[in-house]
Protein backbone atom coordinates (compact mmCIF):
# COMPACT_ATOMS: atom_id res chain seq x y z
CA MET A 1 64.29 45.62 15.14
CA ASP A 2 62.87 42.30 16.80
CA LYS A 3 61.17 39.49 14.71
CA PRO A 4 57.54 39.18 15.37
CA ASP A 5 56.52 35.44 17.14
CA LEU A 6 55.78 33.06 14.28
CA LYS A 7 55.21 29.85 13.29
CA ILE A 8 56.69 28.09 10.48
CA HIS A 9 53.59 25.97 8.79
CA LYS A 10 54.90 23.06 7.55
CA LEU A 11 53.30 21.11 4.70
CA SER A 12 52.43 17.66 4.95
CA SER A 13 51.77 16.14 1.80
CA ARG A 14 53.04 16.88 -1.81
CA LYS A 15 49.34 18.43 -3.01
CA GLU A 16 49.60 21.04 -0.53
CA HIS A 17 53.06 22.23 -1.67
CA PRO A 18 52.69 25.75 -4.04
CA ALA A 19 53.79 25.46 -7.28
CA THR A 20 57.37 27.03 -7.42
CA PRO A 21 57.50 29.31 -10.30
CA GLU A 22 60.41 28.95 -13.05
CA LEU A 23 63.15 31.54 -12.28
CA PRO A 24 65.71 32.48 -15.09
CA GLU A 25 69.26 30.71 -14.56
CA GLY A 26 71.51 31.88 -12.15
CA GLN A 27 68.28 33.33 -9.69
CA GLU A 28 67.32 30.41 -7.91
CA ASP A 29 69.54 31.26 -5.00
CA GLN A 30 67.09 34.54 -4.58
CA LEU A 31 64.70 31.81 -3.27
CA SER A 32 63.76 32.57 0.33
CA VAL A 33 61.14 30.78 3.01
CA ARG A 34 58.26 32.89 3.90
CA TYR A 35 56.79 33.22 7.39
CA VAL A 36 53.47 33.00 8.05
CA ALA A 37 51.84 34.26 10.77
CA VAL A 38 48.78 32.40 12.56
CA PRO A 39 46.67 34.76 14.70
CA GLY A 40 46.58 33.20 18.30
CA TYR A 41 49.45 31.05 17.71
CA GLY A 42 52.34 31.56 19.93
CA PRO A 43 55.69 29.79 21.16
CA ASP A 44 54.39 28.31 24.48
CA TYR A 45 51.12 27.74 22.98
CA VAL A 46 49.59 24.31 24.01
CA GLY A 47 46.45 23.84 22.74
CA PRO A 48 42.71 24.18 23.21
CA TYR A 49 43.02 20.72 24.96
CA ALA A 50 45.61 20.59 27.55
CA GLU A 51 44.12 20.02 30.39
CA ASP A 52 45.22 19.58 34.04
CA ASP A 53 45.81 16.02 35.41
CA SER A 54 46.40 16.53 38.79
CA ILE A 55 44.01 15.80 41.43
CA ASP A 56 43.18 18.90 44.08
CA LEU A 57 43.45 17.06 47.42
CA LEU A 58 41.86 20.01 48.90
CA ALA A 59 38.73 20.42 46.73
CA LEU A 60 38.23 16.93 47.49
CA TRP A 61 38.74 17.37 51.34
CA ARG A 62 36.10 20.56 51.25
CA VAL A 63 33.65 18.58 49.27
CA LEU A 64 34.35 16.01 52.39
CA ALA A 65 33.65 18.57 55.12
CA GLN A 66 30.90 20.41 53.20
CA TYR A 67 28.84 16.74 53.65
CA LYS A 68 30.42 15.59 56.85
CA HIS A 69 26.95 14.95 58.11
CA VAL A 70 26.50 12.47 55.47
CA LEU A 71 29.28 10.99 55.69
CA LEU A 72 29.11 10.25 60.05
CA SER A 73 25.58 9.09 58.73
CA VAL A 74 26.85 6.38 56.82
CA PHE A 75 29.14 5.10 58.81
CA PHE A 76 27.54 4.96 61.66
CA PHE A 77 24.54 3.08 59.93
CA GLY A 78 26.96 0.80 58.24
CA MET A 79 28.88 0.32 61.84
CA LEU A 80 25.82 -0.29 63.58
CA LEU A 81 24.74 -3.14 60.99
CA ALA A 82 28.08 -4.98 61.44
CA ILE A 83 27.38 -4.85 65.25
CA GLY A 84 24.11 -6.20 65.09
CA PHE A 85 25.56 -9.18 62.61
CA ALA A 86 28.79 -9.81 64.98
CA PHE A 87 26.92 -10.12 68.26
CA LEU A 88 23.21 -10.94 67.22
CA SER A 89 23.91 -14.29 64.85
CA THR A 90 23.94 -17.64 65.99
CA PRO A 91 27.45 -18.86 67.59
CA ILE A 92 28.85 -22.09 65.64
CA TYR A 93 30.87 -24.28 66.92
CA ARG A 94 33.43 -27.09 65.58
CA ALA A 95 33.43 -30.61 67.32
CA GLU A 96 36.57 -32.53 65.60
CA LEU A 97 38.02 -35.87 65.68
CA VAL A 98 41.00 -37.64 64.14
CA MET A 99 40.35 -41.23 62.89
CA ALA A 100 42.47 -43.63 60.82
CA PRO A 101 41.78 -46.58 58.92
CA SER A 102 41.76 -49.99 60.94
CA THR A 103 44.74 -52.56 60.11
CA GLU A 104 43.93 -55.96 59.60
CA GLU A 105 46.57 -58.74 59.87
CA LYS A 106 46.76 -60.66 56.69
CA SER A 107 48.18 -64.40 57.28
CA GLY A 108 50.31 -65.64 54.59
CA GLY A 109 47.65 -68.52 53.80
CA LEU A 110 45.15 -65.52 52.79
CA SER A 111 47.25 -63.84 50.36
CA SER A 112 48.26 -67.90 48.86
CA LEU A 113 44.46 -68.14 48.55
CA ALA A 114 44.03 -64.95 46.19
CA GLY A 115 46.70 -66.50 43.96
CA GLN A 116 45.26 -70.07 44.10
CA PHE A 117 41.97 -69.86 43.92
CA GLY A 118 41.21 -65.70 42.63
CA GLY A 119 38.32 -67.69 39.94
CA LEU A 120 36.73 -69.78 42.37
CA ALA A 121 36.60 -66.86 44.70
CA SER A 122 35.40 -64.29 42.17
CA LEU A 123 32.03 -66.25 41.04
CA ALA A 124 31.39 -67.18 45.01
CA GLY A 125 31.65 -63.56 45.98
CA VAL A 126 34.40 -63.99 48.54
CA ASN A 127 36.73 -61.14 49.09
CA LEU A 128 40.13 -61.69 49.87
CA SER A 129 42.05 -58.92 49.32
CA GLY A 130 40.67 -57.45 52.27
CA GLY A 131 38.37 -54.47 50.53
CA GLY A 132 37.32 -54.08 53.47
CA ASN A 133 39.18 -50.95 54.70
CA ASP A 134 39.18 -49.16 51.41
CA VAL A 135 39.20 -45.50 52.45
CA ASP A 136 37.66 -43.84 49.34
CA ARG A 137 35.00 -46.21 49.34
CA VAL A 138 34.77 -45.86 53.42
CA LEU A 139 34.46 -42.49 53.18
CA ALA A 140 31.90 -42.49 50.14
CA THR A 141 29.78 -44.57 52.18
CA LEU A 142 29.66 -41.80 55.45
CA LYS A 143 28.02 -39.20 53.10
CA SER A 144 25.76 -41.53 51.24
CA ARG A 145 21.89 -40.80 51.90
CA VAL A 146 21.69 -44.63 52.55
CA PHE A 147 23.92 -44.06 55.50
CA LEU A 148 23.28 -40.51 56.80
CA VAL A 149 19.21 -41.12 56.13
CA PRO A 150 18.55 -43.45 58.91
CA PHE A 151 21.18 -41.61 61.34
CA LEU A 152 19.08 -38.28 60.80
CA GLN A 153 15.81 -40.10 61.74
CA GLN A 154 17.47 -42.13 64.55
CA GLU A 155 19.20 -39.24 65.83
CA LYS A 156 15.65 -36.66 65.08
CA ILE A 157 18.25 -34.03 63.31
CA VAL A 158 15.26 -33.27 61.30
CA PRO A 159 12.84 -31.05 63.41
CA LEU A 160 16.00 -29.49 64.11
CA PHE A 161 16.54 -27.47 60.61
CA ALA A 162 12.67 -25.89 61.29
CA ARG A 163 12.63 -23.05 59.03
CA GLY A 164 12.05 -19.78 60.67
CA LEU A 165 9.24 -18.81 63.03
CA SER A 166 6.16 -21.38 61.23
CA SER A 167 8.26 -24.24 62.67
CA GLU A 168 7.55 -25.93 59.16
CA THR A 169 10.13 -29.14 58.98
CA PRO A 170 11.79 -29.46 55.77
CA SER A 171 11.74 -32.68 53.94
CA THR A 172 14.57 -35.50 54.88
CA LEU A 173 16.03 -35.24 51.71
CA ASP A 174 16.70 -31.36 52.29
CA VAL A 175 18.08 -31.85 55.23
CA TYR A 176 20.76 -34.40 54.03
CA GLU A 177 21.74 -32.42 51.56
CA THR A 178 22.18 -29.17 53.93
CA PHE A 179 23.89 -31.85 56.35
CA SER A 180 26.31 -33.30 54.07
CA GLU A 181 27.55 -30.05 52.27
CA ASP A 182 27.32 -27.21 56.10
CA VAL A 183 27.56 -29.38 58.73
CA LEU A 184 29.65 -32.19 58.03
CA ASP A 185 33.07 -31.93 56.77
CA ILE A 186 35.61 -34.56 56.20
CA ARG A 187 39.40 -34.06 55.68
CA LYS A 188 41.91 -36.26 54.59
CA ASP A 189 45.49 -35.91 55.21
CA ASN A 190 47.03 -37.84 51.99
CA LYS A 191 50.82 -37.51 54.11
CA THR A 192 49.79 -39.22 56.92
CA GLY A 193 47.08 -40.99 55.89
CA LEU A 194 44.74 -39.33 58.99
CA MET A 195 41.52 -38.06 58.82
CA THR A 196 39.29 -35.32 60.48
CA LEU A 197 35.81 -35.21 60.71
CA GLY A 198 34.32 -32.15 61.90
CA VAL A 199 30.73 -30.99 62.68
CA GLU A 200 29.47 -27.66 62.63
CA TRP A 201 26.57 -26.95 64.69
CA ARG A 202 25.21 -24.12 67.33
CA ASP A 203 25.24 -26.68 70.25
CA PRO A 204 28.91 -27.71 71.09
CA VAL A 205 27.62 -31.04 72.81
CA LEU A 206 25.40 -32.37 70.16
CA ALA A 207 27.88 -31.67 67.81
CA ALA A 208 30.38 -33.67 69.63
CA HIS A 209 28.18 -36.28 70.36
CA TRP A 210 27.34 -36.24 66.58
CA ALA A 211 30.92 -36.56 65.36
CA ASN A 212 31.36 -39.90 67.65
CA THR A 213 28.03 -41.16 66.93
CA LEU A 214 28.86 -41.36 63.33
CA VAL A 215 32.14 -43.17 63.43
CA ALA A 216 30.72 -45.46 65.64
CA ARG A 217 27.75 -46.07 63.22
CA LEU A 218 30.10 -46.31 60.50
CA ASN A 219 32.12 -49.12 62.27
CA GLU A 220 28.81 -50.90 63.08
CA HIS A 221 27.23 -50.51 59.50
CA GLN A 222 30.65 -51.89 57.53
CA ARG A 223 30.65 -54.61 60.29
CA GLN A 224 27.18 -56.11 59.68
CA ALA A 225 27.98 -54.98 55.90
CA ALA A 226 30.82 -58.23 56.04
CA ILE A 227 29.03 -60.21 58.19
CA LYS A 228 26.50 -60.65 56.27
CA GLU A 229 28.78 -60.57 52.42
CA ALA A 230 30.73 -63.50 54.38
CA GLN A 231 27.90 -64.96 55.21
CA GLN A 232 26.30 -65.33 52.00
CA SER A 233 29.86 -66.71 50.63
CA ILE A 234 29.70 -69.44 53.03
CA ASP A 235 26.36 -70.19 52.36
CA TYR A 236 27.15 -70.79 48.21
CA LEU A 237 30.38 -72.63 48.87
CA ASN A 238 28.55 -75.19 50.98
CA GLN A 239 25.92 -75.53 48.09
CA GLN A 240 29.33 -76.30 45.66
CA LEU A 241 31.09 -78.35 47.87
CA SER A 242 27.83 -80.96 48.07
CA LYS A 243 27.73 -80.57 44.19
CA THR A 244 31.08 -82.01 43.53
CA SER A 245 33.45 -85.10 44.48
CA VAL A 246 36.74 -84.36 43.50
CA VAL A 247 38.87 -83.84 46.44
CA ASP A 248 40.96 -80.78 45.26
CA MET A 249 37.68 -78.97 44.65
CA GLN A 250 36.80 -79.91 48.07
CA GLN A 251 40.16 -78.57 49.79
CA ALA A 252 39.32 -75.45 48.04
CA ILE A 253 36.62 -74.50 48.88
CA TYR A 254 37.21 -75.89 52.25
CA ARG A 255 40.13 -73.30 52.70
CA LEU A 256 37.50 -70.76 51.30
CA ILE A 257 34.76 -70.94 53.90
CA GLU A 258 37.82 -71.20 56.76
CA SER A 259 38.73 -67.89 55.23
CA GLN A 260 35.23 -66.60 55.28
CA THR A 261 34.46 -67.58 58.48
CA ARG A 262 37.52 -66.37 59.87
CA ALA A 263 36.52 -63.10 58.61
CA ILE A 264 33.04 -63.38 60.15
CA MET A 265 34.92 -63.74 63.46
CA LEU A 266 37.16 -61.19 63.71
CA ALA A 267 33.86 -58.50 62.67
CA ASN A 268 31.84 -59.90 65.57
CA VAL A 269 35.20 -59.42 67.67
CA LYS A 270 36.87 -56.03 66.56
CA LYS A 271 34.35 -52.98 66.99
CA GLU A 272 36.03 -50.42 65.58
CA TYR A 273 35.94 -52.85 61.99
CA VAL A 274 37.34 -49.72 59.28
CA MET A 275 37.68 -46.61 61.27
CA GLN A 276 40.03 -46.27 63.92
CA ILE A 277 39.46 -43.33 66.34
CA ILE A 278 42.28 -41.43 67.38
CA ASP A 279 41.31 -38.54 69.08
CA PRO A 280 37.60 -38.28 70.09
CA ALA A 281 35.39 -35.28 69.64
CA LEU A 282 35.37 -33.31 72.60
CA ALA A 283 32.49 -30.13 73.17
CA PRO A 284 34.25 -27.21 72.04
CA GLU A 285 34.46 -23.85 73.78
CA LYS A 286 35.32 -21.33 71.06
CA ARG A 287 33.20 -20.79 67.92
CA VAL A 288 34.32 -20.63 64.26
CA ARG A 289 31.65 -18.44 63.32
CA PRO A 290 30.97 -15.35 63.72
CA GLN A 291 34.08 -13.92 63.74
CA ARG A 292 33.37 -10.71 65.29
CA GLY A 293 36.63 -8.80 65.45
CA LEU A 294 36.79 -9.64 61.62
CA ILE A 295 33.50 -8.50 60.94
CA LEU A 296 33.87 -5.19 62.61
CA VAL A 297 37.08 -4.43 60.90
CA LEU A 298 35.57 -5.39 57.27
CA GLY A 299 32.30 -3.03 58.67
CA THR A 300 34.86 0.01 59.11
CA VAL A 301 36.26 0.17 56.01
CA LEU A 302 33.03 -0.89 54.05
CA SER A 303 31.17 2.25 55.81
CA VAL A 304 33.84 4.43 54.97
CA MET A 305 33.76 4.22 51.17
CA ALA A 306 30.44 3.65 51.36
CA GLY A 307 29.96 7.30 52.81
CA ILE A 308 32.72 8.38 50.22
CA PHE A 309 31.12 7.02 47.42
CA ILE A 310 28.00 8.69 48.57
CA VAL A 311 28.89 11.97 48.85
CA PHE A 312 30.81 12.65 46.00
CA LEU A 313 27.54 10.94 44.04
CA LEU A 314 25.76 13.56 46.08
CA HIS A 315 27.89 16.53 45.06
CA GLY A 316 28.68 15.55 41.25
CA LEU A 317 24.32 15.47 41.62
CA LYS A 318 24.12 19.30 43.14
CA VAL A 319 27.18 20.09 40.39
CA PHE A 320 25.23 18.94 37.12
CA ARG A 321 21.88 20.73 38.62
CA GLN A 322 24.05 23.83 38.89
CA GLN A 323 25.35 23.46 35.31
CA LEU A 324 21.72 22.34 34.06
CA ALA A 325 20.39 25.60 35.57
CA GLN A 326 23.08 28.10 33.86
CA SER A 327 22.26 27.04 30.32
CA GLU A 328 18.62 27.55 30.86
CA VAL A 329 19.40 30.56 32.24
CA THR A 330 21.26 31.34 29.11
């Protein structure tokens, strides 16, 4: 006789164990385990919460085929937007020039002056360290309001930033912020010491002109500032020379005046005072934006993803409505 399919019910705690009756001696071995049959529980029962986690690709494909018109409509609409953005956007060109800090030859006498009369030179405002070629300071000057605002006004750049169809001219400070952040780009190579100045604009000829003009004006700005500083130092030293009768002091002042006179002569002769142009900017032939190929690829991918999302969203809403209708009927 076959045994019925039974399930052993294991008791998990002491409280669930029934009290064991006391048996006389010699009858302990007669105890047997009783099997309790639980209805509905067979040996292969997996429980009411077991579900199939596999994905039915055929069912997903059927959903896409059912809503193929929606999928195609979303795809063509997304591609239309991508094509319009790629071909109707204003092309932007980038003009670049390569420059390097100008090297200034320093004689041994100037170095000795810095060591012997450094205190007197600092009182007179005399710069004996050749700090006119400090690259970081020059680059900060290039992007400063003091330098860029006159450049924007003299080159008549402010009206080119008119807003929209109303042709409303923005303020000079707004144009300065946009120009310094979006149009002007300066990159420094710490290994070679070379710097690249780039100007991005919709007119390639104008972009190259601005790039070359910026460096030329920067050299002129720094040259005039150095001449003015040296002249002020000479005036101060001449005043101090008339007040002292000490021969050693007079000789020191003369040597300081000589060094500042030499700085003025060098600034008047050297046009590329702080930055030397290695490779001037030329009008570029290729645009840097928009990248039409990349835009079309991204438009294709995003259009397909958006179409699939909308299809499954519509399908989910349809199934939800059907279930809601069935629940109302029952």
